[in-house]
Every structure is written in structure tokens, then in C-alpha cells.
Amino acid sequence: MDNQIKKLISGDEEAFRSLVLTYQKRVFHHAMQILRNKEEAEDVCQETFIQVYQSIKNYKGQSSLATWIIRITINKSLEKLRKEKRRAKIYSFLPWWMPDEAKSITSTTLHPDILLENKEKAIALYKAIDTLSPNQRVAFTLIKIEEISYSEASELMNLSIKAIESLVSRAKETIKKKIK
């Protein structure tokens, strides 16, 4: 077992601080790619590191520590998307007494990598991506936006490569329909 992991399991605060400093930008990046909302991505970062701290004893080393942490980030981001979807559904049934908190694309923060001149195209793309199921959204984002391999996406999402290919294919079809 890696020395850093042993220190983390023993509760070494300096080792945990070092882990957070090492992975916080990467965790935020993945959360931001999925959620595209700075506050929600920051929440997911915090939740991810809390879970890492609480679950490090359960880390089996079957994948790299980085992959394990990013998988937690993706799961936390998906949880947040599902909660948002449920909340939106509730609001659609009860608009007469609950404030309208539907997220508009204009209030959604676009990922910093997007250049200003491409903002309109990016908004159209993100509107289409927002209509995808959570798993399609994550698979499409990992493969087409972050440009990682299908095998790495498979490991991060804990799905087969065929399942990732299918999710990306369906996502592309949905996006094409929405953009036209």
C-alpha cells in the first residue's frame, strides 16, 4: 500500500491537505464540466473530499487514487443533477405557490475554457447537453469535451466501453436534433 494512503488512513491531516491541494483543480474541473455552475461545482468539490476523507479506509487500490477520486466526483455531480431534475419536476407541478427557481442557461456559468467569441455556439450546445440524461451528459462530456479515452471513461463511470459508446452515440443524436 502506498505511503500516502497509509498516512491518509491513519488520519494524517498534512497528508489530507496535500491530497486536496494535489487534486482540487482536477476535481473542480470535472464537476464544472458536468454541472456548469460554479457554486454547485464547489459544493461537489467539498462533498468529494469529505467522502474521500471518510472512505479512504475502503480504498482497495484497484484503480489509481486519482481515478477513485474522480469517480467520486462524477457520482457526486450526478447526484446533484438528479436532485436538480427532481426539484424541477416538483416546481413544474407546483408553480402557483413555489418560487420559480428553474435554472436558465444565462445563469449557468460556462466552463472557463470556452472563448468569448464562441459563447453563442457554446450556449446552444450546453442547452442541448442539458436535455441529456445524467449518464449521457457525463459520457458525452468526458469523451467529446474533455477528450479522454473510452477506456478511461469506462473506468471513471464504472460502465463497459460498449455502454459508454452507446451513451455517447445517443447523446450525439439528441444534441444534433436539439441544435437543428
N, C-alpha and C. Protein backbone atom coordinates (compact mmCIF):
# COMPACT_ATOMS: atom_id res chain seq x y z
N MET A 1 0.85 -1.19 0.00
CA MET A 1 0.00 0.00 0.00
C MET A 1 0.89 1.25 0.00
N ASP A 2 0.51 2.22 -0.77
CA ASP A 2 1.24 3.48 -0.92
C ASP A 2 1.37 4.19 0.43
N ASN A 3 2.52 4.83 0.64
CA ASN A 3 2.79 5.53 1.90
C ASN A 3 1.78 6.66 2.15
N GLN A 4 1.42 7.39 1.09
CA GLN A 4 0.45 8.49 1.23
C GLN A 4 -0.90 7.94 1.70
N ILE A 5 -1.30 6.82 1.15
CA ILE A 5 -2.59 6.23 1.52
C ILE A 5 -2.55 5.76 2.97
N LYS A 6 -1.42 5.19 3.39
CA LYS A 6 -1.28 4.78 4.79
C LYS A 6 -1.43 5.99 5.72
N LYS A 7 -0.80 7.10 5.32
CA LYS A 7 -0.91 8.32 6.13
C LYS A 7 -2.36 8.81 6.17
N LEU A 8 -3.04 8.75 5.02
CA LEU A 8 -4.44 9.20 4.97
C LEU A 8 -5.32 8.32 5.85
N ILE A 9 -5.11 7.01 5.79
CA ILE A 9 -5.89 6.08 6.61
C ILE A 9 -5.65 6.34 8.10
N SER A 10 -4.43 6.70 8.45
CA SER A 10 -4.13 6.96 9.86
C SER A 10 -4.66 8.32 10.33
N GLY A 11 -5.22 9.11 9.39
CA GLY A 11 -5.81 10.39 9.77
C GLY A 11 -4.83 11.55 9.75
N ASP A 12 -3.71 11.39 9.09
CA ASP A 12 -2.69 12.44 9.00
C ASP A 12 -3.27 13.66 8.25
N GLU A 13 -3.43 14.77 8.99
CA GLU A 13 -4.04 15.97 8.41
C GLU A 13 -3.18 16.59 7.31
N GLU A 14 -1.88 16.54 7.46
CA GLU A 14 -0.98 17.09 6.45
C GLU A 14 -1.08 16.30 5.14
N ALA A 15 -1.20 14.99 5.25
CA ALA A 15 -1.36 14.14 4.06
C ALA A 15 -2.67 14.47 3.35
N PHE A 16 -3.73 14.70 4.14
CA PHE A 16 -5.02 15.04 3.54
C PHE A 16 -4.96 16.42 2.89
N ARG A 17 -4.33 17.37 3.55
CA ARG A 17 -4.17 18.71 2.99
C ARG A 17 -3.42 18.64 1.66
N SER A 18 -2.39 17.84 1.62
CA SER A 18 -1.60 17.65 0.41
C SER A 18 -2.44 17.01 -0.70
N LEU A 19 -3.26 16.04 -0.34
CA LEU A 19 -4.15 15.39 -1.30
C LEU A 19 -5.12 16.41 -1.90
N VAL A 20 -5.72 17.23 -1.05
CA VAL A 20 -6.66 18.25 -1.52
C VAL A 20 -5.95 19.21 -2.48
N LEU A 21 -4.78 19.68 -2.10
CA LEU A 21 -4.03 20.61 -2.96
C LEU A 21 -3.68 19.96 -4.30
N THR A 22 -3.37 18.69 -4.27
CA THR A 22 -2.99 17.98 -5.50
C THR A 22 -4.18 17.80 -6.44
N TYR A 23 -5.35 17.51 -5.90
CA TYR A 23 -6.49 17.13 -6.75
C TYR A 23 -7.61 18.16 -6.86
N GLN A 24 -7.57 19.25 -6.10
CA GLN A 24 -8.72 20.15 -6.07
C GLN A 24 -9.05 20.75 -7.44
N LYS A 25 -8.05 21.16 -8.21
CA LYS A 25 -8.32 21.74 -9.53
C LYS A 25 -8.93 20.71 -10.47
N ARG A 26 -8.41 19.50 -10.41
CA ARG A 26 -8.93 18.44 -11.27
C ARG A 26 -10.37 18.06 -10.89
N VAL A 27 -10.64 17.97 -9.60
CA VAL A 27 -11.99 17.67 -9.13
C VAL A 27 -12.96 18.78 -9.55
N PHE A 28 -12.55 20.03 -9.34
CA PHE A 28 -13.39 21.16 -9.73
C PHE A 28 -13.65 21.14 -11.23
N HIS A 29 -12.61 20.87 -12.02
CA HIS A 29 -12.74 20.83 -13.47
C HIS A 29 -13.80 19.80 -13.89
N HIS A 30 -13.73 18.59 -13.34
CA HIS A 30 -14.70 17.55 -13.70
C HIS A 30 -16.11 17.94 -13.25
N ALA A 31 -16.23 18.46 -12.05
CA ALA A 31 -17.55 18.88 -11.56
C ALA A 31 -18.11 20.01 -12.43
N MET A 32 -17.26 20.94 -12.80
CA MET A 32 -17.67 22.07 -13.62
C MET A 32 -18.10 21.61 -15.01
N GLN A 33 -17.39 20.64 -15.57
CA GLN A 33 -17.75 20.12 -16.89
C GLN A 33 -19.14 19.50 -16.86
N ILE A 34 -19.49 18.86 -15.78
CA ILE A 34 -20.79 18.19 -15.69
C ILE A 34 -21.89 19.17 -15.29
N LEU A 35 -21.62 20.00 -14.30
CA LEU A 35 -22.66 20.85 -13.73
C LEU A 35 -22.74 22.24 -14.36
N ARG A 36 -21.61 22.78 -14.80
CA ARG A 36 -21.52 24.10 -15.40
C ARG A 36 -22.13 25.19 -14.53
N ASN A 37 -21.94 25.05 -13.25
CA ASN A 37 -22.38 26.04 -12.29
C ASN A 37 -21.32 26.09 -11.20
N LYS A 38 -20.69 27.25 -11.05
CA LYS A 38 -19.53 27.37 -10.16
C LYS A 38 -19.86 26.97 -8.72
N GLU A 39 -20.98 27.47 -8.20
CA GLU A 39 -21.33 27.17 -6.80
C GLU A 39 -21.59 25.68 -6.61
N GLU A 40 -22.31 25.07 -7.56
CA GLU A 40 -22.59 23.64 -7.44
C GLU A 40 -21.30 22.82 -7.58
N ALA A 41 -20.42 23.24 -8.48
CA ALA A 41 -19.14 22.54 -8.66
C ALA A 41 -18.30 22.65 -7.38
N GLU A 42 -18.32 23.83 -6.75
CA GLU A 42 -17.58 23.99 -5.49
C GLU A 42 -18.17 23.11 -4.40
N ASP A 43 -19.50 23.01 -4.36
CA ASP A 43 -20.14 22.11 -3.40
C ASP A 43 -19.71 20.67 -3.62
N VAL A 44 -19.69 20.26 -4.89
CA VAL A 44 -19.29 18.89 -5.22
C VAL A 44 -17.84 18.66 -4.81
N CYS A 45 -16.98 19.64 -5.01
CA CYS A 45 -15.59 19.51 -4.58
C CYS A 45 -15.51 19.22 -3.09
N GLN A 46 -16.23 20.02 -2.33
CA GLN A 46 -16.22 19.85 -0.88
C GLN A 46 -16.77 18.47 -0.50
N GLU A 47 -17.90 18.10 -1.10
CA GLU A 47 -18.51 16.80 -0.80
C GLU A 47 -17.58 15.65 -1.20
N THR A 48 -16.87 15.82 -2.31
CA THR A 48 -15.94 14.78 -2.77
C THR A 48 -14.84 14.56 -1.75
N PHE A 49 -14.22 15.65 -1.29
CA PHE A 49 -13.11 15.49 -0.36
C PHE A 49 -13.58 15.01 1.02
N ILE A 50 -14.78 15.37 1.39
CA ILE A 50 -15.34 14.82 2.64
C ILE A 50 -15.49 13.31 2.50
N GLN A 51 -16.04 12.87 1.35
CA GLN A 51 -16.20 11.43 1.16
C GLN A 51 -14.85 10.72 1.07
N VAL A 52 -13.89 11.33 0.40
CA VAL A 52 -12.55 10.74 0.33
C VAL A 52 -12.01 10.56 1.75
N TYR A 53 -12.12 11.59 2.57
CA TYR A 53 -11.63 11.53 3.94
C TYR A 53 -12.32 10.41 4.72
N GLN A 54 -13.64 10.32 4.55
CA GLN A 54 -14.42 9.33 5.30
C GLN A 54 -14.25 7.91 4.75
N SER A 55 -13.94 7.78 3.46
CA SER A 55 -13.93 6.47 2.81
C SER A 55 -12.54 5.94 2.47
N ILE A 56 -11.49 6.67 2.78
CA ILE A 56 -10.16 6.25 2.37
C ILE A 56 -9.82 4.85 2.88
N LYS A 57 -10.38 4.46 4.01
CA LYS A 57 -10.14 3.12 4.56
C LYS A 57 -10.71 2.04 3.64
N ASN A 58 -11.70 2.41 2.83
CA ASN A 58 -12.33 1.46 1.91
C ASN A 58 -11.66 1.41 0.54
N TYR A 59 -10.69 2.30 0.31
CA TYR A 59 -9.98 2.33 -0.97
C TYR A 59 -9.18 1.04 -1.11
N LYS A 60 -9.47 0.31 -2.20
CA LYS A 60 -8.86 -1.00 -2.38
C LYS A 60 -7.66 -0.98 -3.32
N GLY A 61 -7.43 0.12 -3.98
CA GLY A 61 -6.28 0.22 -4.87
C GLY A 61 -6.48 -0.48 -6.21
N GLN A 62 -7.73 -0.82 -6.56
CA GLN A 62 -7.99 -1.47 -7.85
C GLN A 62 -7.79 -0.50 -9.02
N SER A 63 -7.97 0.77 -8.75
CA SER A 63 -7.68 1.81 -9.74
C SER A 63 -6.77 2.82 -9.05
N SER A 64 -6.24 3.75 -9.82
CA SER A 64 -5.36 4.75 -9.22
C SER A 64 -6.16 5.62 -8.26
N LEU A 65 -5.48 6.25 -7.34
CA LEU A 65 -6.13 7.14 -6.39
C LEU A 65 -6.85 8.26 -7.13
N ALA A 66 -6.22 8.79 -8.19
CA ALA A 66 -6.83 9.86 -8.98
C ALA A 66 -8.14 9.39 -9.61
N THR A 67 -8.15 8.20 -10.18
CA THR A 67 -9.37 7.66 -10.79
C THR A 67 -10.45 7.49 -9.74
N TRP A 68 -10.08 6.98 -8.57
CA TRP A 68 -11.04 6.78 -7.49
C TRP A 68 -11.67 8.11 -7.07
N ILE A 69 -10.84 9.13 -6.94
CA ILE A 69 -11.33 10.46 -6.53
C ILE A 69 -12.24 11.05 -7.61
N ILE A 70 -11.85 10.93 -8.88
CA ILE A 70 -12.67 11.48 -9.96
C ILE A 70 -13.98 10.71 -10.08
N ARG A 71 -13.96 9.41 -9.83
CA ARG A 71 -15.20 8.63 -9.85
C ARG A 71 -16.16 9.15 -8.76
N ILE A 72 -15.62 9.45 -7.59
CA ILE A 72 -16.45 10.04 -6.52
C ILE A 72 -17.01 11.37 -6.99
N THR A 73 -16.18 12.18 -7.64
CA THR A 73 -16.62 13.49 -8.15
C THR A 73 -17.77 13.32 -9.15
N ILE A 74 -17.62 12.39 -10.07
CA ILE A 74 -18.67 12.16 -11.07
C ILE A 74 -19.95 11.70 -10.39
N ASN A 75 -19.84 10.79 -9.44
CA ASN A 75 -21.04 10.32 -8.72
C ASN A 75 -21.72 11.45 -7.96
N LYS A 76 -20.93 12.29 -7.30
CA LYS A 76 -21.50 13.43 -6.57
C LYS A 76 -22.16 14.41 -7.55
N SER A 77 -21.55 14.62 -8.70
CA SER A 77 -22.12 15.52 -9.71
C SER A 77 -23.43 14.95 -10.25
N LEU A 78 -23.45 13.64 -10.51
CA LEU A 78 -24.68 13.00 -10.98
C LEU A 78 -25.79 13.09 -9.94
N GLU A 79 -25.44 12.91 -8.66
CA GLU A 79 -26.43 13.06 -7.58
C GLU A 79 -27.04 14.45 -7.62
N LYS A 80 -26.19 15.46 -7.79
CA LYS A 80 -26.66 16.83 -7.83
C LYS A 80 -27.57 17.06 -9.04
N LEU A 81 -27.22 16.49 -10.19
CA LEU A 81 -28.08 16.61 -11.38
C LEU A 81 -29.43 15.96 -11.14
N ARG A 82 -29.42 14.78 -10.53
CA ARG A 82 -30.69 14.08 -10.27
C ARG A 82 -31.57 14.88 -9.30
N LYS A 83 -30.95 15.44 -8.26
CA LYS A 83 -31.71 16.26 -7.32
C LYS A 83 -32.31 17.47 -8.02
N GLU A 84 -31.52 18.10 -8.90
CA GLU A 84 -31.99 19.27 -9.64
C GLU A 84 -33.16 18.89 -10.55
N LYS A 85 -33.04 17.72 -11.17
CA LYS A 85 -34.11 17.25 -12.06
C LYS A 85 -35.40 17.01 -11.27
N ARG A 86 -35.25 16.38 -10.09
CA ARG A 86 -36.44 16.14 -9.24
C ARG A 86 -37.04 17.47 -8.79
N ARG A 87 -36.19 18.41 -8.41
CA ARG A 87 -36.67 19.71 -7.96
C ARG A 87 -37.41 20.43 -9.09
N ALA A 88 -36.86 20.36 -10.29
CA ALA A 88 -37.50 21.00 -11.45
C ALA A 88 -38.86 20.36 -11.72
N LYS A 89 -38.94 19.04 -11.54
CA LYS A 89 -40.21 18.35 -11.76
C LYS A 89 -41.24 18.80 -10.71
N ILE A 90 -40.81 18.92 -9.47
CA ILE A 90 -41.72 19.38 -8.41
C ILE A 90 -42.19 20.79 -8.71
N TYR A 91 -41.27 21.67 -9.11
CA TYR A 91 -41.65 23.05 -9.41
C TYR A 91 -42.62 23.11 -10.58
N SER A 92 -42.48 22.22 -11.53
CA SER A 92 -43.40 22.26 -12.67
C SER A 92 -44.81 21.87 -12.25
N PHE A 93 -44.95 21.07 -11.19
CA PHE A 93 -46.27 20.70 -10.71
C PHE A 93 -46.86 21.73 -9.75
N LEU A 94 -46.00 22.49 -9.09
CA LEU A 94 -46.47 23.41 -8.06
C LEU A 94 -46.04 24.86 -8.31
N PRO A 95 -46.18 25.37 -9.53
CA PRO A 95 -45.65 26.71 -9.79
C PRO A 95 -46.45 27.82 -9.12
N TRP A 96 -47.67 27.56 -8.71
CA TRP A 96 -48.53 28.59 -8.14
C TRP A 96 -48.15 28.99 -6.73
N TRP A 97 -47.38 28.17 -6.02
CA TRP A 97 -47.02 28.57 -4.66
C TRP A 97 -45.54 28.50 -4.36
N MET A 98 -44.75 27.94 -5.27
CA MET A 98 -43.31 27.88 -5.04
C MET A 98 -42.60 28.85 -5.98
N PRO A 99 -41.57 29.52 -5.52
CA PRO A 99 -40.85 30.44 -6.40
C PRO A 99 -40.21 29.70 -7.57
N ASP A 100 -40.15 30.38 -8.68
CA ASP A 100 -39.56 29.77 -9.85
C ASP A 100 -38.04 29.80 -9.73
N GLU A 101 -37.46 28.62 -9.54
CA GLU A 101 -36.01 28.52 -9.41
C GLU A 101 -35.42 27.77 -10.58
N ALA A 102 -36.17 27.69 -11.67
CA ALA A 102 -35.66 26.98 -12.84
C ALA A 102 -34.38 27.64 -13.30
N LYS A 103 -33.38 26.85 -13.54
CA LYS A 103 -32.11 27.39 -13.99
C LYS A 103 -32.22 27.77 -15.46
N SER A 104 -31.81 28.98 -15.77
CA SER A 104 -31.76 29.37 -17.17
C SER A 104 -30.32 29.24 -17.62
N ILE A 105 -30.15 29.05 -18.90
CA ILE A 105 -28.81 28.88 -19.43
C ILE A 105 -27.99 30.14 -19.22
N THR A 106 -28.64 31.29 -19.14
CA THR A 106 -27.89 32.53 -18.94
C THR A 106 -27.33 32.62 -17.53
N SER A 107 -27.95 31.94 -16.57
CA SER A 107 -27.41 31.97 -15.21
C SER A 107 -26.40 30.86 -14.97
N THR A 108 -26.28 29.94 -15.93
CA THR A 108 -25.33 28.87 -15.80
C THR A 108 -23.97 29.37 -16.24
N THR A 109 -22.98 29.10 -15.43
CA THR A 109 -21.62 29.53 -15.75
C THR A 109 -21.04 28.57 -16.78
N LEU A 110 -20.55 29.13 -17.86
CA LEU A 110 -19.91 28.29 -18.86
C LEU A 110 -18.50 27.97 -18.40
N HIS A 111 -18.00 26.85 -18.85
CA HIS A 111 -16.66 26.43 -18.45
C HIS A 111 -15.65 27.47 -18.92
N PRO A 112 -14.65 27.78 -18.11
CA PRO A 112 -13.68 28.82 -18.45
C PRO A 112 -12.93 28.59 -19.76
N ASP A 113 -12.86 27.34 -20.21
CA ASP A 113 -12.13 27.05 -21.44
C ASP A 113 -12.81 27.61 -22.69
N ILE A 114 -14.06 27.99 -22.54
CA ILE A 114 -14.81 28.45 -23.71
C ILE A 114 -14.46 29.91 -24.01
N LEU A 115 -14.05 30.16 -25.23
CA LEU A 115 -13.70 31.51 -25.63
C LEU A 115 -14.95 32.35 -25.82
N LEU A 116 -14.83 33.63 -25.55
CA LEU A 116 -15.95 34.55 -25.62
C LEU A 116 -16.63 34.56 -26.98
N GLU A 117 -15.84 34.52 -28.06
CA GLU A 117 -16.44 34.60 -29.39
C GLU A 117 -17.28 33.37 -29.74
N ASN A 118 -17.07 32.29 -29.02
CA ASN A 118 -17.86 31.08 -29.26
C ASN A 118 -19.02 30.94 -28.29
N LYS A 119 -19.31 32.00 -27.55
CA LYS A 119 -20.30 31.93 -26.48
C LYS A 119 -21.68 31.50 -26.99
N GLU A 120 -22.14 32.07 -28.11
CA GLU A 120 -23.47 31.72 -28.61
C GLU A 120 -23.54 30.25 -29.02
N LYS A 121 -22.52 29.77 -29.69
CA LYS A 121 -22.48 28.35 -30.08
C LYS A 121 -22.42 27.48 -28.83
N ALA A 122 -21.62 27.90 -27.87
CA ALA A 122 -21.49 27.13 -26.64
C ALA A 122 -22.81 27.08 -25.88
N ILE A 123 -23.53 28.21 -25.84
CA ILE A 123 -24.82 28.23 -25.16
C ILE A 123 -25.79 27.26 -25.82
N ALA A 124 -25.82 27.26 -27.16
CA ALA A 124 -26.70 26.32 -27.87
C ALA A 124 -26.31 24.88 -27.57
N LEU A 125 -25.00 24.62 -27.58
CA LEU A 125 -24.53 23.27 -27.28
C LEU A 125 -24.89 22.87 -25.85
N TYR A 126 -24.64 23.76 -24.89
CA TYR A 126 -24.93 23.43 -23.50
C TYR A 126 -26.43 23.30 -23.24
N LYS A 127 -27.25 24.07 -23.95
CA LYS A 127 -28.70 23.88 -23.83
C LYS A 127 -29.08 22.46 -24.27
N ALA A 128 -28.47 22.02 -25.36
CA ALA A 128 -28.74 20.67 -25.86
C ALA A 128 -28.20 19.62 -24.87
N ILE A 129 -27.01 19.85 -24.34
CA ILE A 129 -26.42 18.91 -23.39
C ILE A 129 -27.29 18.82 -22.13
N ASP A 130 -27.88 19.94 -21.73
CA ASP A 130 -28.74 19.95 -20.54
C ASP A 130 -29.96 19.05 -20.68
N THR A 131 -30.35 18.74 -21.91
CA THR A 131 -31.53 17.88 -22.11
C THR A 131 -31.19 16.40 -22.02
N LEU A 132 -29.90 16.07 -21.98
CA LEU A 132 -29.47 14.68 -21.93
C LEU A 132 -29.73 14.07 -20.55
N SER A 133 -29.85 12.74 -20.54
CA SER A 133 -29.94 12.05 -19.25
C SER A 133 -28.60 12.25 -18.54
N PRO A 134 -28.57 12.14 -17.22
CA PRO A 134 -27.31 12.35 -16.50
C PRO A 134 -26.15 11.48 -17.01
N ASN A 135 -26.38 10.20 -17.26
CA ASN A 135 -25.30 9.34 -17.73
C ASN A 135 -24.84 9.74 -19.13
N GLN A 136 -25.78 10.11 -20.00
CA GLN A 136 -25.40 10.56 -21.34
C GLN A 136 -24.58 11.84 -21.24
N ARG A 137 -25.00 12.73 -20.37
CA ARG A 137 -24.31 14.01 -20.19
C ARG A 137 -22.86 13.78 -19.75
N VAL A 138 -22.67 12.91 -18.77
CA VAL A 138 -21.32 12.64 -18.27
C VAL A 138 -20.47 11.96 -19.34
N ALA A 139 -21.01 10.93 -19.98
CA ALA A 139 -20.25 10.21 -21.01
C ALA A 139 -19.87 11.16 -22.16
N PHE A 140 -20.83 11.94 -22.63
CA PHE A 140 -20.55 12.88 -23.72
C PHE A 140 -19.50 13.90 -23.30
N THR A 141 -19.63 14.43 -22.11
CA THR A 141 -18.67 15.43 -21.62
C THR A 141 -17.27 14.85 -21.51
N LEU A 142 -17.16 13.64 -20.96
CA LEU A 142 -15.85 13.03 -20.81
C LEU A 142 -15.19 12.74 -22.16
N ILE A 143 -15.98 12.20 -23.09
CA ILE A 143 -15.41 11.77 -24.38
C ILE A 143 -15.24 12.94 -25.34
N LYS A 144 -16.25 13.76 -25.50
CA LYS A 144 -16.23 14.78 -26.55
C LYS A 144 -15.69 16.13 -26.09
N ILE A 145 -15.86 16.48 -24.83
CA ILE A 145 -15.39 17.79 -24.37
C ILE A 145 -14.03 17.65 -23.70
N GLU A 146 -13.90 16.69 -22.81
CA GLU A 146 -12.61 16.50 -22.13
C GLU A 146 -11.65 15.65 -22.95
N GLU A 147 -12.18 14.98 -23.97
CA GLU A 147 -11.39 14.17 -24.90
C GLU A 147 -10.56 13.10 -24.22
N ILE A 148 -11.16 12.38 -23.27
CA ILE A 148 -10.46 11.26 -22.67
C ILE A 148 -10.83 10.00 -23.45
N SER A 149 -10.10 8.94 -23.24
CA SER A 149 -10.34 7.69 -23.97
C SER A 149 -11.61 7.01 -23.45
N TYR A 150 -12.16 6.15 -24.31
CA TYR A 150 -13.34 5.38 -23.91
C TYR A 150 -13.01 4.46 -22.74
N SER A 151 -11.82 3.91 -22.72
CA SER A 151 -11.46 3.00 -21.61
C SER A 151 -11.35 3.77 -20.29
N GLU A 152 -10.81 4.99 -20.33
CA GLU A 152 -10.73 5.79 -19.10
C GLU A 152 -12.13 6.21 -18.65
N ALA A 153 -12.99 6.60 -19.61
CA ALA A 153 -14.37 6.96 -19.27
C ALA A 153 -15.09 5.76 -18.68
N SER A 154 -14.82 4.59 -19.23
CA SER A 154 -15.41 3.35 -18.73
C SER A 154 -15.02 3.13 -17.28
N GLU A 155 -13.74 3.35 -16.98
CA GLU A 155 -13.26 3.18 -15.61
C GLU A 155 -13.86 4.23 -14.68
N LEU A 156 -13.91 5.49 -15.14
CA LEU A 156 -14.44 6.56 -14.30
C LEU A 156 -15.93 6.39 -14.01
N MET A 157 -16.68 5.94 -15.02
CA MET A 157 -18.13 5.80 -14.84
C MET A 157 -18.53 4.42 -14.35
N ASN A 158 -17.55 3.51 -14.30
CA ASN A 158 -17.80 2.15 -13.85
C ASN A 158 -18.83 1.45 -14.75
N LEU A 159 -18.68 1.67 -16.07
CA LEU A 159 -19.53 1.05 -17.08
C LEU A 159 -18.64 0.43 -18.14
N SER A 160 -19.20 -0.49 -18.92
CA SER A 160 -18.43 -1.10 -20.00
C SER A 160 -18.16 -0.08 -21.11
N ILE A 161 -17.15 -0.36 -21.92
CA ILE A 161 -16.84 0.52 -23.05
C ILE A 161 -18.02 0.57 -24.00
N LYS A 162 -18.67 -0.56 -24.23
CA LYS A 162 -19.87 -0.60 -25.11
C LYS A 162 -20.96 0.32 -24.57
N ALA A 163 -21.15 0.31 -23.26
CA ALA A 163 -22.17 1.18 -22.65
C ALA A 163 -21.81 2.64 -22.85
N ILE A 164 -20.53 2.98 -22.71
CA ILE A 164 -20.08 4.37 -22.92
C ILE A 164 -20.31 4.75 -24.38
N GLU A 165 -19.93 3.86 -25.31
CA GLU A 165 -20.14 4.13 -26.74
C GLU A 165 -21.61 4.38 -27.04
N SER A 166 -22.47 3.58 -26.46
CA SER A 166 -23.91 3.73 -26.67
C SER A 166 -24.41 5.06 -26.10
N LEU A 167 -23.98 5.41 -24.89
CA LEU A 167 -24.40 6.67 -24.28
C LEU A 167 -23.95 7.87 -25.12
N VAL A 168 -22.72 7.84 -25.61
CA VAL A 168 -22.19 8.94 -26.42
C VAL A 168 -22.94 9.02 -27.75
N SER A 169 -23.20 7.88 -28.35
CA SER A 169 -23.92 7.86 -29.63
C SER A 169 -25.33 8.45 -29.48
N ARG A 170 -26.04 8.02 -28.45
CA ARG A 170 -27.39 8.56 -28.22
C ARG A 170 -27.34 10.04 -27.87
N ALA A 171 -26.33 10.44 -27.13
CA ALA A 171 -26.17 11.86 -26.77
C ALA A 171 -25.95 12.69 -28.03
N LYS A 172 -25.08 12.21 -28.92
CA LYS A 172 -24.81 12.95 -30.16
C LYS A 172 -26.08 13.12 -31.00
N GLU A 173 -26.88 12.05 -31.09
CA GLU A 173 -28.13 12.13 -31.86
C GLU A 173 -29.09 13.16 -31.25
N THR A 174 -29.21 13.13 -29.94
CA THR A 174 -30.09 14.07 -29.24
C THR A 174 -29.61 15.49 -29.45
N ILE A 175 -28.33 15.71 -29.32
CA ILE A 175 -27.76 17.06 -29.49
C ILE A 175 -27.97 17.57 -30.90
N LYS A 176 -27.75 16.70 -31.90
CA LYS A 176 -27.96 17.10 -33.30
C LYS A 176 -29.41 17.56 -33.51
N LYS A 177 -30.36 16.80 -32.98
CA LYS A 177 -31.78 17.15 -33.12
C LYS A 177 -32.09 18.48 -32.44
N LYS A 178 -31.54 18.69 -31.26
CA LYS A 178 -31.82 19.90 -30.48
C LYS A 178 -31.21 21.14 -31.12
N ILE A 179 -30.02 21.00 -31.68
CA ILE A 179 -29.34 22.16 -32.26
C ILE A 179 -30.00 22.57 -33.58
N LYS A 180 -30.51 21.60 -34.34
CA LYS A 180 -31.19 21.94 -35.59
C LYS A 180 -32.53 22.49 -35.29
